[in-house]
Amino acid sequence: MIYLIDSNTFMTAARTFYSFDYGTKFWDFIEVQAKNNALASIDKVFEEINKGDDALKNWANEEFLNYFSTTKEEAVIQKYAELMKWAENQGNHYTRNAIDEFMKEDNADPWLIAYSLAENRNYTIVTFEKVNKNKKNKIPIPNVCDYYQIKYCDLFEMLRNLKFKL
């Protein structure tokens, strides 16, 4: 199993409890785990990180660049197209705005899901989003993961499973 990290996981960690000015052990651990093929992310997450101008952007470009996998593969694009059809048919549950936001090409969420679906890859998506079957104004990653039977967890569960120690 490989952990596939969402934008909000990187951003929340960098801007709160693992800030780069005192959380270097965490970021070093993330790099080592990526080198050991235990975790990665995708190019769309990298693009979202690059919209900021902070230490996370610098780290992503200087230390983690090689661990953002491309979504420009036939299998990923095919799964993304299937996922867009699924989203378009969710009007009975989600608002039109939620569906439109999910379907934006620069939104990394559906690309993470498509990447993990492509060629039956064994990924666990790491996100701080929670399952919320009653939510109407956003399509949460875990809701879609449940539908497609994709594993997911939050950062802390991933860290426990990978035996991170402060």
Protein backbone atom coordinates (compact mmCIF):
# COMPACT_ATOMS: atom_id res chain seq x y z
CA MET A 1 0.00 0.00 0.00
CA ILE A 2 1.12 3.52 -0.82
CA TYR A 3 -0.25 6.66 0.81
CA LEU A 4 -1.37 9.31 -1.66
CA ILE A 5 -1.35 12.73 0.02
CA ASP A 6 -3.99 15.41 -0.59
CA SER A 7 -3.24 19.14 -0.76
CA ASN A 8 -5.05 19.91 2.49
CA THR A 9 -2.84 17.45 4.35
CA PHE A 10 0.36 19.15 3.20
CA MET A 11 -1.05 22.64 3.73
CA THR A 12 -2.53 22.02 7.16
CA ALA A 13 0.65 20.35 8.39
CA ALA A 14 2.86 23.15 7.06
CA ARG A 15 0.70 25.97 8.39
CA THR A 16 -0.12 24.53 11.80
CA PHE A 17 1.36 21.65 13.78
CA TYR A 18 4.42 20.84 11.60
CA SER A 19 5.49 24.32 10.57
CA PHE A 20 8.84 24.34 8.80
CA ASP A 21 10.47 26.44 11.52
CA TYR A 22 10.10 23.67 14.12
CA GLY A 23 8.72 20.58 12.34
CA THR A 24 11.76 19.57 10.30
CA LYS A 25 11.71 16.01 11.69
CA PHE A 26 8.23 15.55 10.21
CA TRP A 27 9.23 16.84 6.76
CA ASP A 28 12.41 14.74 6.77
CA PHE A 29 10.28 11.71 7.62
CA ILE A 30 7.91 12.45 4.73
CA GLU A 31 10.87 12.60 2.33
CA VAL A 32 12.33 9.32 3.60
CA GLN A 33 8.98 7.58 3.29
CA ALA A 34 8.60 8.89 -0.27
CA LYS A 35 12.09 7.60 -1.14
CA ASN A 36 11.00 4.22 0.27
CA ASN A 37 7.88 4.27 -1.95
CA ALA A 38 5.55 4.38 1.07
CA LEU A 39 3.92 7.66 0.05
CA ALA A 40 3.58 10.09 -2.84
CA SER A 41 1.28 12.68 -4.27
CA ILE A 42 0.23 13.88 -7.72
CA ASP A 43 1.03 16.78 -10.04
CA LYS A 44 -2.37 18.41 -9.39
CA VAL A 45 -1.56 18.64 -5.67
CA PHE A 46 1.79 20.17 -6.61
CA GLU A 47 -0.04 22.79 -8.70
CA GLU A 48 -2.32 23.65 -5.75
CA ILE A 49 0.70 23.97 -3.43
CA ASN A 50 2.40 26.24 -5.98
CA LYS A 51 -0.49 28.71 -5.80
CA GLY A 52 0.90 29.70 -2.40
CA ASP A 53 4.12 31.54 -1.75
CA ASP A 54 5.46 30.00 1.41
CA ALA A 55 7.85 27.44 2.88
CA LEU A 56 5.63 24.57 1.68
CA LYS A 57 5.96 25.73 -1.92
CA ASN A 58 9.75 25.93 -1.50
CA TRP A 59 9.90 22.46 0.07
CA ALA A 60 7.68 20.93 -2.61
CA ASN A 61 9.85 22.38 -5.39
CA GLU A 62 13.22 21.70 -3.78
CA GLU A 63 12.80 18.49 -1.77
CA PHE A 64 9.66 16.64 -2.89
CA LEU A 65 9.38 17.42 -6.60
CA ASN A 66 10.22 13.86 -7.72
CA TYR A 67 7.38 12.39 -5.64
CA PHE A 68 4.51 14.17 -7.41
CA SER A 69 3.35 11.57 -9.93
CA THR A 70 1.89 12.60 -13.26
CA THR A 71 -1.83 12.35 -13.94
CA LYS A 72 -1.15 12.57 -17.68
CA GLU A 73 -1.48 8.82 -18.16
CA GLU A 74 -4.16 7.20 -20.31
CA ALA A 75 -5.51 5.07 -17.45
CA VAL A 76 -5.77 8.07 -15.09
CA ILE A 77 -7.47 10.26 -17.70
CA GLN A 78 -9.97 7.47 -18.42
CA LYS A 79 -10.82 7.10 -14.71
CA TYR A 80 -11.06 10.89 -14.39
CA ALA A 81 -13.60 10.95 -17.25
CA GLU A 82 -15.62 8.21 -15.55
CA LEU A 83 -15.48 10.16 -12.29
CA MET A 84 -16.74 13.29 -14.03
CA LYS A 85 -19.73 11.32 -15.37
CA TRP A 86 -20.40 10.06 -11.84
CA ALA A 87 -20.21 13.61 -10.44
CA GLU A 88 -22.53 14.96 -13.12
CA ASN A 89 -25.13 12.41 -12.02
CA GLN A 90 -25.00 13.47 -8.35
CA GLY A 91 -27.49 16.33 -8.71
CA ASN A 92 -30.00 14.51 -6.55
CA HIS A 93 -27.62 14.74 -3.59
CA TYR A 94 -25.15 17.62 -4.09
CA THR A 95 -25.79 21.21 -5.11
CA ARG A 96 -24.93 22.27 -8.65
CA ASN A 97 -22.16 24.48 -7.22
CA ALA A 98 -20.65 21.50 -5.32
CA ILE A 99 -20.64 19.44 -8.51
CA ASP A 100 -19.14 22.29 -10.54
CA GLU A 101 -16.39 22.84 -7.94
CA PHE A 102 -15.57 19.12 -7.87
CA MET A 103 -15.40 19.04 -11.65
CA LYS A 104 -12.98 21.97 -12.04
CA GLU A 105 -9.91 20.68 -13.85
CA ASP A 106 -7.54 22.37 -11.40
CA ASN A 107 -9.23 20.70 -8.39
CA ALA A 108 -6.83 17.97 -7.25
CA ASP A 109 -9.51 15.96 -5.40
CA PRO A 110 -10.98 14.06 -8.36
CA TRP A 111 -7.52 13.57 -9.84
CA LEU A 112 -6.34 11.90 -6.60
CA ILE A 113 -9.32 9.58 -6.78
CA ALA A 114 -8.82 8.87 -10.50
CA TYR A 115 -5.12 8.21 -9.93
CA SER A 116 -5.88 5.71 -7.19
CA LEU A 117 -8.51 3.98 -9.37
CA ALA A 118 -6.28 3.67 -12.42
CA GLU A 119 -5.08 0.14 -13.06
CA ASN A 120 -6.30 -0.98 -9.61
CA ARG A 121 -3.47 0.71 -7.77
CA ASN A 122 -3.20 0.00 -4.06
CA TYR A 123 -3.36 3.54 -2.66
CA THR A 124 -4.76 5.02 0.52
CA ILE A 125 -5.70 8.67 0.11
CA VAL A 126 -4.54 10.86 2.99
CA THR A 127 -6.88 13.78 3.67
CA PHE A 128 -8.26 15.75 6.57
CA GLU A 129 -11.70 15.70 4.94
CA LYS A 130 -14.26 13.53 6.73
CA VAL A 131 -17.12 11.39 5.47
CA ASN A 132 -20.30 13.42 5.54
CA LYS A 133 -23.21 11.78 3.72
CA ASN A 134 -25.45 14.74 4.59
CA LYS A 135 -23.19 17.38 3.09
CA LYS A 136 -24.72 19.00 0.02
CA ASN A 137 -22.46 21.99 -0.73
CA LYS A 138 -19.18 20.05 -1.26
CA ILE A 139 -18.28 16.58 -2.46
CA PRO A 140 -15.89 15.27 0.21
CA ILE A 141 -13.10 12.94 -0.90
CA PRO A 142 -14.09 10.24 1.65
CA ASN A 143 -17.67 10.14 0.31
CA VAL A 144 -16.32 9.37 -3.17
CA CYS A 145 -13.77 6.93 -1.75
CA ASP A 146 -16.57 5.02 -0.02
CA TYR A 147 -18.51 4.83 -3.28
CA TYR A 148 -15.49 3.51 -5.21
CA GLN A 149 -14.14 1.43 -2.30
CA ILE A 150 -10.88 3.35 -2.06
CA LYS A 151 -9.09 3.38 1.27
CA TYR A 152 -8.49 6.73 2.99
CA CYS A 153 -7.21 8.02 6.31
CA ASP A 154 -6.03 11.22 7.93
CA LEU A 155 -2.41 12.29 8.40
CA PHE A 156 -2.19 11.00 11.96
CA GLU A 157 -3.33 7.50 11.06
CA MET A 158 -0.76 7.44 8.26
CA LEU A 159 1.97 8.60 10.64
CA ARG A 160 1.03 5.93 13.19
CA ASN A 161 1.04 3.23 10.52
CA LEU A 162 4.45 4.36 9.25
CA LYS A 163 5.79 4.49 12.84
CA PHE A 164 6.62 8.21 12.94
CA LYS A 165 8.17 9.32 16.24
CA LEU A 166 8.85 12.85 17.43
